[in-house]
Amino acid sequence: MSNDRVKNWQVFARHMEQYIKERTVSKYSSDRNGGIDFMAITGNPHICIWNVLKYGFRIWRGRMKEHDLEKIVHYAEMAWTMSMETTVIDSSRDKVKVSMNN
């Protein structure tokens, strides 16, 4: 494994982009028939975090399925994106505080 974390992340980001395009866009697009996308409806990052835990526990129990790691990362990204909508900037410390209040 390479120690270049930035390069590793760039390779992984390309992999995730392809995964999202091929496996999630059509599944959760707004023009599909039936089904409910709770993340899109609620905008609640806690639902995404629950899914991170769900897939993480499945892996921990030795029942990992193909794409579980991608699902964890994708749900984590969605939680981060949703939480940024409620981000508060603390300019006195030059830090970003993320609030997941819902």
PDB file of N, CA and C in Angstrom:
ATOM      1  N   MET A   1       0.845  -1.191   0.000  1.00  0.00           N
ATOM      2  CA  MET A   1       0.000   0.000   0.000  1.00  0.00           C
ATOM      3  C   MET A   1       0.884   1.247   0.000  1.00  0.00           C
ATOM      4  N   SER A   2       0.543   2.159  -0.836  1.00  0.00           N
ATOM      5  CA  SER A   2       1.289   3.403  -0.942  1.00  0.00           C
ATOM      6  C   SER A   2       1.032   4.286   0.282  1.00  0.00           C
ATOM      7  N   ASN A   3       2.066   5.029   0.683  1.00  0.00           N
ATOM      8  CA  ASN A   3       1.920   5.955   1.803  1.00  0.00           C
ATOM      9  C   ASN A   3       1.488   7.344   1.357  1.00  0.00           C
ATOM     10  N   ASP A   4       1.276   7.530   0.076  1.00  0.00           N
ATOM     11  CA  ASP A   4       0.843   8.823  -0.449  1.00  0.00           C
ATOM     12  C   ASP A   4      -0.671   8.912  -0.302  1.00  0.00           C
ATOM     13  N   ARG A   5      -1.113   9.424   0.820  1.00  0.00           N
ATOM     14  CA  ARG A   5      -2.554   9.436   1.122  1.00  0.00           C
ATOM     15  C   ARG A   5      -3.349  10.289   0.154  1.00  0.00           C
ATOM     16  N   VAL A   6      -2.772  11.372  -0.307  1.00  0.00           N
ATOM     17  CA  VAL A   6      -3.475  12.224  -1.267  1.00  0.00           C
ATOM     18  C   VAL A   6      -3.674  11.472  -2.576  1.00  0.00           C
ATOM     19  N   LYS A   7      -2.617  10.841  -3.062  1.00  0.00           N
ATOM     20  CA  LYS A   7      -2.722  10.077  -4.299  1.00  0.00           C
ATOM     21  C   LYS A   7      -3.715   8.923  -4.118  1.00  0.00           C
ATOM     22  N   ASN A   8      -3.634   8.225  -3.007  1.00  0.00           N
ATOM     23  CA  ASN A   8      -4.575   7.133  -2.732  1.00  0.00           C
ATOM     24  C   ASN A   8      -6.014   7.648  -2.745  1.00  0.00           C
ATOM     25  N   TRP A   9      -6.227   8.814  -2.137  1.00  0.00           N
ATOM     26  CA  TRP A   9      -7.582   9.374  -2.093  1.00  0.00           C
ATOM     27  C   TRP A   9      -8.060   9.729  -3.496  1.00  0.00           C
ATOM     28  N   GLN A  10      -7.182  10.259  -4.318  1.00  0.00           N
ATOM     29  CA  GLN A  10      -7.564  10.613  -5.685  1.00  0.00           C
ATOM     30  C   GLN A  10      -7.985   9.379  -6.470  1.00  0.00           C
ATOM     31  N   VAL A  11      -7.247   8.286  -6.319  1.00  0.00           N
ATOM     32  CA  VAL A  11      -7.610   7.032  -6.992  1.00  0.00           C
ATOM     33  C   VAL A  11      -8.948   6.544  -6.458  1.00  0.00           C
ATOM     34  N   PHE A  12      -9.103   6.579  -5.137  1.00  0.00           N
ATOM     35  CA  PHE A  12     -10.353   6.133  -4.521  1.00  0.00           C
ATOM     36  C   PHE A  12     -11.526   7.023  -4.946  1.00  0.00           C
ATOM     37  N   ALA A  13     -11.302   8.329  -5.031  1.00  0.00           N
ATOM     38  CA  ALA A  13     -12.364   9.251  -5.443  1.00  0.00           C
ATOM     39  C   ALA A  13     -12.839   8.943  -6.854  1.00  0.00           C
ATOM     40  N   ARG A  14     -11.913   8.613  -7.750  1.00  0.00           N
ATOM     41  CA  ARG A  14     -12.312   8.228  -9.115  1.00  0.00           C
ATOM     42  C   ARG A  14     -13.132   6.941  -9.082  1.00  0.00           C
ATOM     43  N   HIS A  15     -12.707   5.998  -8.249  1.00  0.00           N
ATOM     44  CA  HIS A  15     -13.462   4.747  -8.099  1.00  0.00           C
ATOM     45  C   HIS A  15     -14.872   5.039  -7.583  1.00  0.00           C
ATOM     46  N   MET A  16     -14.972   5.897  -6.577  1.00  0.00           N
ATOM     47  CA  MET A  16     -16.283   6.218  -6.001  1.00  0.00           C
ATOM     48  C   MET A  16     -17.165   6.966  -6.992  1.00  0.00           C
ATOM     49  N   GLU A  17     -16.578   7.842  -7.779  1.00  0.00           N
ATOM     50  CA  GLU A  17     -17.357   8.556  -8.796  1.00  0.00           C
ATOM     51  C   GLU A  17     -17.989   7.563  -9.766  1.00  0.00           C
ATOM     52  N   GLN A  18     -17.211   6.602 -10.206  1.00  0.00           N
ATOM     53  CA  GLN A  18     -17.725   5.589 -11.123  1.00  0.00           C
ATOM     54  C   GLN A  18     -18.799   4.741 -10.440  1.00  0.00           C
ATOM     55  N   TYR A  19     -18.556   4.349  -9.197  1.00  0.00           N
ATOM     56  CA  TYR A  19     -19.533   3.553  -8.439  1.00  0.00           C
ATOM     57  C   TYR A  19     -20.858   4.306  -8.308  1.00  0.00           C
ATOM     58  N   ILE A  20     -20.787   5.581  -7.950  1.00  0.00           N
ATOM     59  CA  ILE A  20     -22.000   6.378  -7.770  1.00  0.00           C
ATOM     60  C   ILE A  20     -22.756   6.513  -9.093  1.00  0.00           C
ATOM     61  N   LYS A  21     -22.051   6.788 -10.164  1.00  0.00           N
ATOM     62  CA  LYS A  21     -22.697   6.921 -11.472  1.00  0.00           C
ATOM     63  C   LYS A  21     -23.376   5.626 -11.900  1.00  0.00           C
ATOM     64  N   GLU A  22     -22.681   4.512 -11.700  1.00  0.00           N
ATOM     65  CA  GLU A  22     -23.188   3.236 -12.199  1.00  0.00           C
ATOM     66  C   GLU A  22     -24.220   2.586 -11.279  1.00  0.00           C
ATOM     67  N   ARG A  23     -24.138   2.816  -9.981  1.00  0.00           N
ATOM     68  CA  ARG A  23     -24.955   2.042  -9.053  1.00  0.00           C
ATOM     69  C   ARG A  23     -25.961   2.838  -8.239  1.00  0.00           C
ATOM     70  N   THR A  24     -25.838   4.158  -8.184  1.00  0.00           N
ATOM     71  CA  THR A  24     -26.772   4.902  -7.328  1.00  0.00           C
ATOM     72  C   THR A  24     -27.607   5.944  -8.054  1.00  0.00           C
ATOM     73  N   VAL A  25     -27.060   6.571  -9.075  1.00  0.00           N
ATOM     74  CA  VAL A  25     -27.788   7.658  -9.739  1.00  0.00           C
ATOM     75  C   VAL A  25     -29.121   7.170 -10.288  1.00  0.00           C
ATOM     76  N   SER A  26     -29.107   6.092 -11.034  1.00  0.00           N
ATOM     77  CA  SER A  26     -30.372   5.599 -11.594  1.00  0.00           C
ATOM     78  C   SER A  26     -31.286   5.038 -10.515  1.00  0.00           C
ATOM     79  N   LYS A  27     -30.715   4.462  -9.484  1.00  0.00           N
ATOM     80  CA  LYS A  27     -31.510   3.862  -8.403  1.00  0.00           C
ATOM     81  C   LYS A  27     -32.254   4.928  -7.600  1.00  0.00           C
ATOM     82  N   TYR A  28     -31.622   6.069  -7.392  1.00  0.00           N
ATOM     83  CA  TYR A  28     -32.223   7.108  -6.551  1.00  0.00           C
ATOM     84  C   TYR A  28     -32.570   8.379  -7.299  1.00  0.00           C
ATOM     85  N   SER A  29     -32.670   8.316  -8.608  1.00  0.00           N
ATOM     86  CA  SER A  29     -33.016   9.521  -9.355  1.00  0.00           C
ATOM     87  C   SER A  29     -34.472   9.890  -9.090  1.00  0.00           C
ATOM     88  N   SER A  30     -34.771  11.160  -9.266  1.00  0.00           N
ATOM     89  CA  SER A  30     -36.112  11.656  -8.950  1.00  0.00           C
ATOM     90  C   SER A  30     -37.160  11.232  -9.967  1.00  0.00           C
ATOM     91  N   ASP A  31     -36.740  10.770 -11.137  1.00  0.00           N
ATOM     92  CA  ASP A  31     -37.718  10.411 -12.160  1.00  0.00           C
ATOM     93  C   ASP A  31     -38.064   8.917 -12.161  1.00  0.00           C
ATOM     94  N   ARG A  32     -37.578   8.177 -11.174  1.00  0.00           N
ATOM     95  CA  ARG A  32     -37.885   6.747 -11.145  1.00  0.00           C
ATOM     96  C   ARG A  32     -39.275   6.520 -10.557  1.00  0.00           C
ATOM     97  N   ASN A  33     -39.838   5.375 -10.826  1.00  0.00           N
ATOM     98  CA  ASN A  33     -41.168   5.048 -10.327  1.00  0.00           C
ATOM     99  C   ASN A  33     -41.077   4.254  -9.045  1.00  0.00           C
ATOM    100  N   GLY A  34     -41.918   4.619  -8.070  1.00  0.00           N
ATOM    101  CA  GLY A  34     -41.988   3.869  -6.827  1.00  0.00           C
ATOM    102  C   GLY A  34     -40.786   4.101  -5.939  1.00  0.00           C
ATOM    103  N   GLY A  35     -40.844   3.519  -4.740  1.00  0.00           N
ATOM    104  CA  GLY A  35     -39.738   3.614  -3.807  1.00  0.00           C
ATOM    105  C   GLY A  35     -39.629   4.974  -3.161  1.00  0.00           C
ATOM    106  N   ILE A  36     -38.902   4.998  -2.066  1.00  0.00           N
ATOM    107  CA  ILE A  36     -38.725   6.233  -1.313  1.00  0.00           C
ATOM    108  C   ILE A  36     -37.242   6.399  -1.005  1.00  0.00           C
ATOM    109  N   ASP A  37     -36.714   7.574  -1.250  1.00  0.00           N
ATOM    110  CA  ASP A  37     -35.345   7.898  -0.884  1.00  0.00           C
ATOM    111  C   ASP A  37     -35.419   8.810   0.336  1.00  0.00           C
ATOM    112  N   PHE A  38     -35.292   8.209   1.528  1.00  0.00           N
ATOM    113  CA  PHE A  38     -35.440   8.965   2.769  1.00  0.00           C
ATOM    114  C   PHE A  38     -34.401  10.072   2.913  1.00  0.00           C
ATOM    115  N   MET A  39     -33.193   9.860   2.373  1.00  0.00           N
ATOM    116  CA  MET A  39     -32.180  10.906   2.475  1.00  0.00           C
ATOM    117  C   MET A  39     -32.625  12.152   1.715  1.00  0.00           C
ATOM    118  N   ALA A  40     -33.176  11.963   0.516  1.00  0.00           N
ATOM    119  CA  ALA A  40     -33.612  13.110  -0.293  1.00  0.00           C
ATOM    120  C   ALA A  40     -34.827  13.788   0.326  1.00  0.00           C
ATOM    121  N   ILE A  41     -35.726  12.989   0.898  1.00  0.00           N
ATOM    122  CA  ILE A  41     -36.955  13.549   1.462  1.00  0.00           C
ATOM    123  C   ILE A  41     -36.682  14.333   2.743  1.00  0.00           C
ATOM    124  N   THR A  42     -35.902  13.742   3.639  1.00  0.00           N
ATOM    125  CA  THR A  42     -35.701  14.357   4.950  1.00  0.00           C
ATOM    126  C   THR A  42     -34.521  15.308   5.007  1.00  0.00           C
ATOM    127  N   GLY A  43     -33.505  15.057   4.187  1.00  0.00           N
ATOM    128  CA  GLY A  43     -32.292  15.852   4.292  1.00  0.00           C
ATOM    129  C   GLY A  43     -31.613  15.663   5.638  1.00  0.00           C
ATOM    130  N   ASN A  44     -31.905  14.540   6.306  1.00  0.00           N
ATOM    131  CA  ASN A  44     -31.415  14.279   7.652  1.00  0.00           C
ATOM    132  C   ASN A  44     -30.148  13.431   7.591  1.00  0.00           C
ATOM    133  N   PRO A  45     -29.006  13.985   7.995  1.00  0.00           N
ATOM    134  CA  PRO A  45     -27.761  13.216   7.944  1.00  0.00           C
ATOM    135  C   PRO A  45     -27.758  12.017   8.873  1.00  0.00           C
ATOM    136  N   HIS A  46     -28.616  12.013   9.885  1.00  0.00           N
ATOM    137  CA  HIS A  46     -28.654  10.874  10.804  1.00  0.00           C
ATOM    138  C   HIS A  46     -29.076   9.586  10.097  1.00  0.00           C
ATOM    139  N   ILE A  47     -29.895   9.681   9.072  1.00  0.00           N
ATOM    140  CA  ILE A  47     -30.281   8.491   8.311  1.00  0.00           C
ATOM    141  C   ILE A  47     -29.049   7.922   7.609  1.00  0.00           C
ATOM    142  N   CYS A  48     -28.218   8.783   7.086  1.00  0.00           N
ATOM    143  CA  CYS A  48     -26.983   8.327   6.440  1.00  0.00           C
ATOM    144  C   CYS A  48     -26.061   7.664   7.457  1.00  0.00           C
ATOM    145  N   ILE A  49     -25.939   8.261   8.628  1.00  0.00           N
ATOM    146  CA  ILE A  49     -25.074   7.696   9.667  1.00  0.00           C
ATOM    147  C   ILE A  49     -25.589   6.320  10.077  1.00  0.00           C
ATOM    148  N   TRP A  50     -26.896   6.162  10.182  1.00  0.00           N
ATOM    149  CA  TRP A  50     -27.457   4.849  10.500  1.00  0.00           C
ATOM    150  C   TRP A  50     -27.018   3.823   9.454  1.00  0.00           C
ATOM    151  N   ASN A  51     -27.035   4.190   8.184  1.00  0.00           N
ATOM    152  CA  ASN A  51     -26.622   3.269   7.133  1.00  0.00           C
ATOM    153  C   ASN A  51     -25.123   2.961   7.207  1.00  0.00           C
ATOM    154  N   VAL A  52     -24.300   3.940   7.581  1.00  0.00           N
ATOM    155  CA  VAL A  52     -22.874   3.678   7.791  1.00  0.00           C
ATOM    156  C   VAL A  52     -22.711   2.607   8.866  1.00  0.00           C
ATOM    157  N   LEU A  53     -23.448   2.764   9.967  1.00  0.00           N
ATOM    158  CA  LEU A  53     -23.375   1.778  11.053  1.00  0.00           C
ATOM    159  C   LEU A  53     -23.883   0.410  10.612  1.00  0.00           C
ATOM    160  N   LYS A  54     -24.984   0.404   9.869  1.00  0.00           N
ATOM    161  CA  LYS A  54     -25.575  -0.858   9.412  1.00  0.00           C
ATOM    162  C   LYS A  54     -24.574  -1.666   8.587  1.00  0.00           C
ATOM    163  N   TYR A  55     -23.965  -1.025   7.600  1.00  0.00           N
ATOM    164  CA  TYR A  55     -23.006  -1.739   6.757  1.00  0.00           C
ATOM    165  C   TYR A  55     -21.719  -2.050   7.525  1.00  0.00           C
ATOM    166  N   GLY A  56     -21.311  -1.158   8.409  1.00  0.00           N
ATOM    167  CA  GLY A  56     -20.134  -1.415   9.233  1.00  0.00           C
ATOM    168  C   GLY A  56     -20.323  -2.622  10.135  1.00  0.00           C
ATOM    169  N   PHE A  57     -21.479  -2.739  10.767  1.00  0.00           N
ATOM    170  CA  PHE A  57     -21.756  -3.895  11.622  1.00  0.00           C
ATOM    171  C   PHE A  57     -21.822  -5.182  10.809  1.00  0.00           C
ATOM    172  N   ARG A  58     -22.338  -5.094   9.602  1.00  0.00           N
ATOM    173  CA  ARG A  58     -22.390  -6.284   8.762  1.00  0.00           C
ATOM    174  C   ARG A  58     -20.971  -6.768   8.462  1.00  0.00           C
ATOM    175  N   ILE A  59     -20.080  -5.845   8.168  1.00  0.00           N
ATOM    176  CA  ILE A  59     -18.680  -6.213   7.920  1.00  0.00           C
ATOM    177  C   ILE A  59     -18.060  -6.778   9.200  1.00  0.00           C
ATOM    178  N   TRP A  60     -18.290  -6.119  10.308  1.00  0.00           N
ATOM    179  CA  TRP A  60     -17.735  -6.539  11.592  1.00  0.00           C
ATOM    180  C   TRP A  60     -18.178  -7.955  11.953  1.00  0.00           C
ATOM    181  N   ARG A  61     -19.405  -8.303  11.603  1.00  0.00           N
ATOM    182  CA  ARG A  61     -19.926  -9.645  11.892  1.00  0.00           C
ATOM    183  C   ARG A  61     -19.440 -10.688  10.885  1.00  0.00           C
ATOM    184  N   GLY A  62     -18.600 -10.290   9.945  1.00  0.00           N
ATOM    185  CA  GLY A  62     -18.052 -11.229   8.982  1.00  0.00           C
ATOM    186  C   GLY A  62     -18.989 -11.553   7.838  1.00  0.00           C
ATOM    187  N   ARG A  63     -19.960 -10.683   7.591  1.00  0.00           N
ATOM    188  CA  ARG A  63     -20.940 -10.917   6.523  1.00  0.00           C
ATOM    189  C   ARG A  63     -20.852  -9.862   5.421  1.00  0.00           C
ATOM    190  N   MET A  64     -19.647  -9.401   5.184  1.00  0.00           N
ATOM    191  CA  MET A  64     -19.446  -8.348   4.186  1.00  0.00           C
ATOM    192  C   MET A  64     -19.895  -8.811   2.808  1.00  0.00           C
ATOM    193  N   LYS A  65     -20.582  -7.903   2.128  1.00  0.00           N
ATOM    194  CA  LYS A  65     -20.995  -8.146   0.745  1.00  0.00           C
ATOM    195  C   LYS A  65     -20.227  -7.194  -0.167  1.00  0.00           C
ATOM    196  N   GLU A  66     -20.231  -7.543  -1.452  1.00  0.00           N
ATOM    197  CA  GLU A  66     -19.585  -6.677  -2.428  1.00  0.00           C
ATOM    198  C   GLU A  66     -20.176  -5.275  -2.339  1.00  0.00           C
ATOM    199  N   HIS A  67     -19.353  -4.285  -2.361  1.00  0.00           N
ATOM    200  CA  HIS A  67     -19.714  -2.860  -2.364  1.00  0.00           C
ATOM    201  C   HIS A  67     -20.113  -2.317  -0.992  1.00  0.00           C
ATOM    202  N   ASP A  68     -19.997  -3.088   0.085  1.00  0.00           N
ATOM    203  CA  ASP A  68     -20.322  -2.541   1.406  1.00  0.00           C
ATOM    204  C   ASP A  68     -19.420  -1.362   1.762  1.00  0.00           C
ATOM    205  N   LEU A  69     -18.135  -1.453   1.452  1.00  0.00           N
ATOM    206  CA  LEU A  69     -17.239  -0.326   1.746  1.00  0.00           C
ATOM    207  C   LEU A  69     -17.630   0.915   0.943  1.00  0.00           C
ATOM    208  N   GLU A  70     -17.987   0.718  -0.309  1.00  0.00           N
ATOM    209  CA  GLU A  70     -18.425   1.864  -1.123  1.00  0.00           C
ATOM    210  C   GLU A  70     -19.692   2.478  -0.545  1.00  0.00           C
ATOM    211  N   LYS A  71     -20.599   1.644  -0.070  1.00  0.00           N
ATOM    212  CA  LYS A  71     -21.841   2.153   0.522  1.00  0.00           C
ATOM    213  C   LYS A  71     -21.537   2.980   1.763  1.00  0.00           C
ATOM    214  N   ILE A  72     -20.621   2.488   2.610  1.00  0.00           N
ATOM    215  CA  ILE A  72     -20.253   3.233   3.813  1.00  0.00           C
ATOM    216  C   ILE A  72     -19.699   4.604   3.449  1.00  0.00           C
ATOM    217  N   VAL A  73     -18.784   4.634   2.496  1.00  0.00           N
ATOM    218  CA  VAL A  73     -18.165   5.901   2.102  1.00  0.00           C
ATOM    219  C   VAL A  73     -19.194   6.838   1.486  1.00  0.00           C
ATOM    220  N   HIS A  74     -20.066   6.297   0.648  1.00  0.00           N
ATOM    221  CA  HIS A  74     -21.072   7.133   0.001  1.00  0.00           C
ATOM    222  C   HIS A  74     -22.036   7.722   1.028  1.00  0.00           C
ATOM    223  N   TYR A  75     -22.491   6.904   1.975  1.00  0.00           N
ATOM    224  CA  TYR A  75     -23.381   7.431   3.019  1.00  0.00           C
ATOM    225  C   TYR A  75     -22.667   8.458   3.891  1.00  0.00           C
ATOM    226  N   ALA A  76     -21.381   8.232   4.175  1.00  0.00           N
ATOM    227  CA  ALA A  76     -20.622   9.214   4.957  1.00  0.00           C
ATOM    228  C   ALA A  76     -20.524  10.535   4.208  1.00  0.00           C
ATOM    229  N   GLU A  77     -20.290  10.456   2.901  1.00  0.00           N
ATOM    230  CA  GLU A  77     -20.234  11.685   2.091  1.00  0.00           C
ATOM    231  C   GLU A  77     -21.571  12.406   2.101  1.00  0.00           C
ATOM    232  N   MET A  78     -22.669  11.650   1.962  1.00  0.00           N
ATOM    233  CA  MET A  78     -23.989  12.290   1.964  1.00  0.00           C
ATOM    234  C   MET A  78     -24.268  12.947   3.316  1.00  0.00           C
ATOM    235  N   ALA A  79     -23.887  12.291   4.413  1.00  0.00           N
ATOM    236  CA  ALA A  79     -24.074  12.886   5.741  1.00  0.00           C
ATOM    237  C   ALA A  79     -23.262  14.168   5.865  1.00  0.00           C
ATOM    238  N   TRP A  80     -22.026  14.133   5.375  1.00  0.00           N
ATOM    239  CA  TRP A  80     -21.177  15.319   5.424  1.00  0.00           C
ATOM    240  C   TRP A  80     -21.791  16.450   4.610  1.00  0.00           C
ATOM    241  N   THR A  81     -22.248  16.137   3.394  1.00  0.00           N
ATOM    242  CA  THR A  81     -22.850  17.152   2.527  1.00  0.00           C
ATOM    243  C   THR A  81     -24.094  17.751   3.175  1.00  0.00           C
ATOM    244  N   MET A  82     -24.960  16.899   3.722  1.00  0.00           N
ATOM    245  CA  MET A  82     -26.170  17.397   4.387  1.00  0.00           C
ATOM    246  C   MET A  82     -25.817  18.247   5.599  1.00  0.00           C
ATOM    247  N   SER A  83     -24.820  17.822   6.357  1.00  0.00           N
ATOM    248  CA  SER A  83     -24.461  18.571   7.562  1.00  0.00           C
ATOM    249  C   SER A  83     -23.846  19.917   7.218  1.00  0.00           C
ATOM    250  N   MET A  84     -23.229  20.038   6.049  1.00  0.00           N
ATOM    251  CA  MET A  84     -22.644  21.318   5.654  1.00  0.00           C
ATOM    252  C   MET A  84     -23.722  22.370   5.426  1.00  0.00           C
ATOM    253  N   GLU A  85     -24.936  21.932   5.187  1.00  0.00           N
ATOM    254  CA  GLU A  85     -26.030  22.882   5.034  1.00  0.00           C
ATOM    255  C   GLU A  85     -26.351  23.565   6.353  1.00  0.00           C
ATOM    256  N   THR A  86     -25.927  22.970   7.469  1.00  0.00           N
ATOM    257  CA  THR A  86     -26.167  23.562   8.780  1.00  0.00           C
ATOM    258  C   THR A  86     -24.857  23.960   9.444  1.00  0.00           C
ATOM    259  N   THR A  87     -23.823  24.198   8.621  1.00  0.00           N
ATOM    260  CA  THR A  87     -22.503  24.531   9.147  1.00  0.00           C
ATOM    261  C   THR A  87     -22.479  25.954   9.685  1.00  0.00           C
ATOM    262  N   VAL A  88     -21.807  26.111  10.797  1.00  0.00           N
ATOM    263  CA  VAL A  88     -21.600  27.419  11.400  1.00  0.00           C
ATOM    264  C   VAL A  88     -20.104  27.703  11.347  1.00  0.00           C
ATOM    265  N   ILE A  89     -19.739  28.862  10.833  1.00  0.00           N
ATOM    266  CA  ILE A  89     -18.332  29.244  10.748  1.00  0.00           C
ATOM    267  C   ILE A  89     -17.986  30.050  11.996  1.00  0.00           C
ATOM    268  N   ASP A  90     -16.972  29.611  12.718  1.00  0.00           N
ATOM    269  CA  ASP A  90     -16.469  30.331  13.887  1.00  0.00           C
ATOM    270  C   ASP A  90     -15.209  31.055  13.436  1.00  0.00           C
ATOM    271  N   SER A  91     -15.354  32.310  13.021  1.00  0.00           N
ATOM    272  CA  SER A  91     -14.221  33.039  12.460  1.00  0.00           C
ATOM    273  C   SER A  91     -13.185  33.398  13.513  1.00  0.00           C
ATOM    274  N   SER A  92     -13.554  33.378  14.784  1.00  0.00           N
ATOM    275  CA  SER A  92     -12.591  33.709  15.826  1.00  0.00           C
ATOM    276  C   SER A  92     -11.528  32.630  15.957  1.00  0.00           C
ATOM    277  N   ARG A  93     -11.837  31.423  15.532  1.00  0.00           N
ATOM    278  CA  ARG A  93     -10.878  30.322  15.632  1.00  0.00           C
ATOM    279  C   ARG A  93     -10.494  29.770  14.260  1.00  0.00           C
ATOM    280  N   ASP A  94     -11.044  30.341  13.206  1.00  0.00           N
ATOM    281  CA  ASP A  94     -10.796  29.851  11.847  1.00  0.00           C
ATOM    282  C   ASP A  94     -11.077  28.360  11.724  1.00  0.00           C
ATOM    283  N   LYS A  95     -12.129  27.923  12.354  1.00  0.00           N
ATOM    284  CA  LYS A  95     -12.529  26.526  12.270  1.00  0.00           C
ATOM    285  C   LYS A  95     -13.978  26.444  11.835  1.00  0.00           C
ATOM    286  N   VAL A  96     -14.313  25.326  11.285  1.00  0.00           N
ATOM    287  CA  VAL A  96     -15.691  25.076  10.879  1.00  0.00           C
ATOM    288  C   VAL A  96     -16.302  24.121  11.893  1.00  0.00           C
ATOM    289  N   LYS A  97     -17.429  24.514  12.449  1.00  0.00           N
ATOM    290  CA  LYS A  97     -18.172  23.620  13.328  1.00  0.00           C
ATOM    291  C   LYS A  97     -19.331  23.062  12.554  1.00  0.00           C
ATOM    292  N   VAL A  98     -19.498  21.772  12.566  1.00  0.00           N
ATOM    293  CA  VAL A  98     -20.593  21.137  11.848  1.00  0.00           C
ATOM    294  C   VAL A  98     -21.633  20.709  12.868  1.00  0.00           C
ATOM    295  N   SER A  99     -22.842  21.172  12.656  1.00  0.00           N
ATOM    296  CA  SER A  99     -23.955  20.818  13.527  1.00  0.00           C
ATOM    297  C   SER A  99     -24.900  19.929  12.771  1.00  0.00           C
ATOM    298  N   MET A 100     -25.267  18.803  13.386  1.00  0.00           N
ATOM    299  CA  MET A 100     -26.204  17.887  12.745  1.00  0.00           C
ATOM    300  C   MET A 100     -27.532  17.920  13.492  1.00  0.00           C
ATOM    301  N   ASN A 101     -27.976  19.105  13.817  1.00  0.00           N
ATOM    302  CA  ASN A 101     -29.246  19.261  14.535  1.00  0.00           C
ATOM    303  C   ASN A 101     -30.406  19.095  13.605  1.00  0.00           C
ATOM    304  N   ASN A 102     -31.249  18.141  13.890  1.00  0.00           N
ATOM    305  CA  ASN A 102     -32.476  17.920  13.125  1.00  0.00           C
ATOM    306  C   ASN A 102     -33.537  17.420  14.060  1.00  0.00           C
TER     307      ASN A 102
END
